[in-house]
Amino acid sequence: MIENPERVEEREEMERLLYGPSNAQSRAGRTGAASELVVCVDLIRRGYDVFRAVSAQCCCDLIAVKGINVLRVEVRTAHGTKGMSASKRGHYDVLAVVREFNVSYKPTIS
């Protein structure tokens, strides 16, 4: 798929603002944190209250609450056309996959 040049420019500018120049390791950490924030915004727009993990060793990245429903959310960043596999790090109810600021959920949520 060929990406619209204006869209590419917009995405690259957003990445520069989010990540800035850095080494690969710290950029990867910031990429994960940025993906978590993208998912937070999406969940809030869907009407969820969202809570982020403070500890890096938590069983999931986010907790999303809507009414009586509580979801443990694991966030992953997809690159290119690679598929995403489930995390072995902990227990969660929903896997949120972020690809170029678009979020998909497995299983689907409302």
C-alpha atoms as a PDB file:
ATOM      1  CA  MET A   1       0.000   0.000   0.000  1.00  0.00           C
ATOM      2  CA  ILE A   2       1.334   3.437  -0.953  1.00  0.00           C
ATOM      3  CA  GLU A   3       0.851   6.064   1.702  1.00  0.00           C
ATOM      4  CA  ASN A   4      -0.324   9.581   0.828  1.00  0.00           C
ATOM      5  CA  PRO A   5       2.789  11.861   0.890  1.00  0.00           C
ATOM      6  CA  GLU A   6       0.977  14.449   3.016  1.00  0.00           C
ATOM      7  CA  ARG A   7       0.038  11.718   5.518  1.00  0.00           C
ATOM      8  CA  VAL A   8       3.658  10.509   5.628  1.00  0.00           C
ATOM      9  CA  GLU A   9       4.883  14.032   6.318  1.00  0.00           C
ATOM     10  CA  GLU A  10       2.264  14.494   9.054  1.00  0.00           C
ATOM     11  CA  ARG A  11       3.150  11.157  10.676  1.00  0.00           C
ATOM     12  CA  GLU A  12       6.896  11.882  10.554  1.00  0.00           C
ATOM     13  CA  GLU A  13       6.372  15.290  12.152  1.00  0.00           C
ATOM     14  CA  MET A  14       4.243  13.706  14.903  1.00  0.00           C
ATOM     15  CA  GLU A  15       6.945  11.087  15.502  1.00  0.00           C
ATOM     16  CA  ARG A  16       9.617  13.810  15.750  1.00  0.00           C
ATOM     17  CA  LEU A  17       7.476  15.653  18.305  1.00  0.00           C
ATOM     18  CA  LEU A  18       6.751  12.494  20.306  1.00  0.00           C
ATOM     19  CA  TYR A  19      10.136  10.777  20.137  1.00  0.00           C
ATOM     20  CA  GLY A  20      12.751  13.395  19.265  1.00  0.00           C
ATOM     21  CA  PRO A  21      16.281  12.357  18.332  1.00  0.00           C
ATOM     22  CA  SER A  22      17.620   9.586  20.572  1.00  0.00           C
ATOM     23  CA  ASN A  23      19.221   6.177  20.755  1.00  0.00           C
ATOM     24  CA  ALA A  24      17.202   3.081  19.809  1.00  0.00           C
ATOM     25  CA  GLN A  25      16.635   1.782  23.351  1.00  0.00           C
ATOM     26  CA  SER A  26      15.162   4.958  24.804  1.00  0.00           C
ATOM     27  CA  ARG A  27      13.151   5.490  21.618  1.00  0.00           C
ATOM     28  CA  ALA A  28      11.608   2.027  22.017  1.00  0.00           C
ATOM     29  CA  GLY A  29      10.558   2.909  25.573  1.00  0.00           C
ATOM     30  CA  ARG A  30       9.055   6.165  24.424  1.00  0.00           C
ATOM     31  CA  THR A  31       7.305   4.406  21.538  1.00  0.00           C
ATOM     32  CA  GLY A  32       5.625   2.075  24.035  1.00  0.00           C
ATOM     33  CA  ALA A  33       4.641   4.958  26.305  1.00  0.00           C
ATOM     34  CA  ALA A  34       3.290   6.932  23.335  1.00  0.00           C
ATOM     35  CA  SER A  35       1.251   3.899  22.220  1.00  0.00           C
ATOM     36  CA  GLU A  36      -0.214   3.596  25.710  1.00  0.00           C
ATOM     37  CA  LEU A  37      -1.285   7.236  25.547  1.00  0.00           C
ATOM     38  CA  VAL A  38      -2.862   6.706  22.104  1.00  0.00           C
ATOM     39  CA  VAL A  39      -4.887   3.825  23.583  1.00  0.00           C
ATOM     40  CA  CYS A  40      -5.828   5.968  26.613  1.00  0.00           C
ATOM     41  CA  VAL A  41      -7.251   8.654  24.334  1.00  0.00           C
ATOM     42  CA  ASP A  42      -9.163   6.082  22.285  1.00  0.00           C
ATOM     43  CA  LEU A  43     -10.652   4.436  25.372  1.00  0.00           C
ATOM     44  CA  ILE A  44     -11.645   7.784  26.894  1.00  0.00           C
ATOM     45  CA  ARG A  45     -13.391   8.677  23.627  1.00  0.00           C
ATOM     46  CA  ARG A  46     -15.276   5.372  23.927  1.00  0.00           C
ATOM     47  CA  GLY A  47     -16.506   6.371  27.388  1.00  0.00           C
ATOM     48  CA  TYR A  48     -14.061   4.463  29.594  1.00  0.00           C
ATOM     49  CA  ASP A  49     -12.279   5.744  32.692  1.00  0.00           C
ATOM     50  CA  VAL A  50      -8.621   4.802  32.183  1.00  0.00           C
ATOM     51  CA  PHE A  51      -5.863   4.118  34.698  1.00  0.00           C
ATOM     52  CA  ARG A  52      -2.177   3.632  33.781  1.00  0.00           C
ATOM     53  CA  ALA A  53       0.214   1.260  35.531  1.00  0.00           C
ATOM     54  CA  VAL A  54       2.915   2.904  37.608  1.00  0.00           C
ATOM     55  CA  SER A  55       5.153  -0.141  37.930  1.00  0.00           C
ATOM     56  CA  ALA A  56       6.875  -1.580  34.853  1.00  0.00           C
ATOM     57  CA  GLN A  57       6.274  -5.032  36.323  1.00  0.00           C
ATOM     58  CA  CYS A  58       2.454  -4.816  36.342  1.00  0.00           C
ATOM     59  CA  CYS A  59       0.400  -7.601  34.813  1.00  0.00           C
ATOM     60  CA  CYS A  60      -1.137  -5.164  32.297  1.00  0.00           C
ATOM     61  CA  ASP A  61      -0.552  -1.651  30.982  1.00  0.00           C
ATOM     62  CA  LEU A  62      -3.965  -0.054  31.552  1.00  0.00           C
ATOM     63  CA  ILE A  63      -7.212  -0.597  33.443  1.00  0.00           C
ATOM     64  CA  ALA A  64     -10.333   0.591  31.623  1.00  0.00           C
ATOM     65  CA  VAL A  65     -13.644   0.939  33.487  1.00  0.00           C
ATOM     66  CA  LYS A  66     -17.054   1.545  31.909  1.00  0.00           C
ATOM     67  CA  GLY A  67     -20.059   1.060  34.158  1.00  0.00           C
ATOM     68  CA  ILE A  68     -19.552  -2.287  35.904  1.00  0.00           C
ATOM     69  CA  ASN A  69     -17.122  -3.569  33.235  1.00  0.00           C
ATOM     70  CA  VAL A  70     -13.442  -3.583  34.163  1.00  0.00           C
ATOM     71  CA  LEU A  71     -10.858  -4.474  31.497  1.00  0.00           C
ATOM     72  CA  ARG A  72      -7.161  -5.175  31.910  1.00  0.00           C
ATOM     73  CA  VAL A  73      -5.519  -3.860  28.747  1.00  0.00           C
ATOM     74  CA  GLU A  74      -2.133  -4.829  27.310  1.00  0.00           C
ATOM     75  CA  VAL A  75      -0.748  -2.383  24.707  1.00  0.00           C
ATOM     76  CA  ARG A  76       1.518  -3.383  21.827  1.00  0.00           C
ATOM     77  CA  THR A  77       3.007  -1.293  19.029  1.00  0.00           C
ATOM     78  CA  ALA A  78       2.893  -2.845  15.543  1.00  0.00           C
ATOM     79  CA  HIS A  79       5.576  -1.972  13.020  1.00  0.00           C
ATOM     80  CA  GLY A  80       5.221  -2.506   9.275  1.00  0.00           C
ATOM     81  CA  THR A  81       3.142  -5.520   8.273  1.00  0.00           C
ATOM     82  CA  LYS A  82       4.220  -7.837  11.083  1.00  0.00           C
ATOM     83  CA  GLY A  83       1.454  -9.523  13.018  1.00  0.00           C
ATOM     84  CA  MET A  84       1.164  -9.135  16.754  1.00  0.00           C
ATOM     85  CA  SER A  85       1.413 -11.984  19.212  1.00  0.00           C
ATOM     86  CA  ALA A  86      -0.029 -11.990  22.685  1.00  0.00           C
ATOM     87  CA  SER A  87       2.183 -10.923  25.566  1.00  0.00           C
ATOM     88  CA  LYS A  88       3.482 -13.589  27.932  1.00  0.00           C
ATOM     89  CA  ARG A  89       4.159 -10.967  30.607  1.00  0.00           C
ATOM     90  CA  GLY A  90       0.880 -11.074  32.471  1.00  0.00           C
ATOM     91  CA  HIS A  91      -2.834 -11.492  32.475  1.00  0.00           C
ATOM     92  CA  TYR A  92      -5.125  -9.183  30.551  1.00  0.00           C
ATOM     93  CA  ASP A  93      -8.592  -9.120  29.027  1.00  0.00           C
ATOM     94  CA  VAL A  94      -7.892  -7.079  25.905  1.00  0.00           C
ATOM     95  CA  LEU A  95      -4.864  -6.672  23.641  1.00  0.00           C
ATOM     96  CA  ALA A  96      -4.701  -3.160  22.127  1.00  0.00           C
ATOM     97  CA  VAL A  97      -2.534  -2.979  19.005  1.00  0.00           C
ATOM     98  CA  VAL A  98      -1.366   0.474  17.876  1.00  0.00           C
ATOM     99  CA  ARG A  99      -0.262   0.901  14.270  1.00  0.00           C
ATOM    100  CA  GLU A 100       0.429   4.473  13.091  1.00  0.00           C
ATOM    101  CA  PHE A 101      -1.923   6.042  15.669  1.00  0.00           C
ATOM    102  CA  ASN A 102      -4.756   3.603  14.842  1.00  0.00           C
ATOM    103  CA  VAL A 103      -5.898   1.222  17.574  1.00  0.00           C
ATOM    104  CA  SER A 104      -7.409  -2.232  17.139  1.00  0.00           C
ATOM    105  CA  TYR A 105      -8.592  -4.403  20.013  1.00  0.00           C
ATOM    106  CA  LYS A 106      -8.507  -8.184  20.374  1.00  0.00           C
ATOM    107  CA  PRO A 107     -11.200  -9.111  21.257  1.00  0.00           C
ATOM    108  CA  THR A 108     -13.180  -6.168  19.893  1.00  0.00           C
ATOM    109  CA  ILE A 109     -14.578  -3.731  22.455  1.00  0.00           C
ATOM    110  CA  SER A 110     -17.376  -1.159  22.226  1.00  0.00           C
END
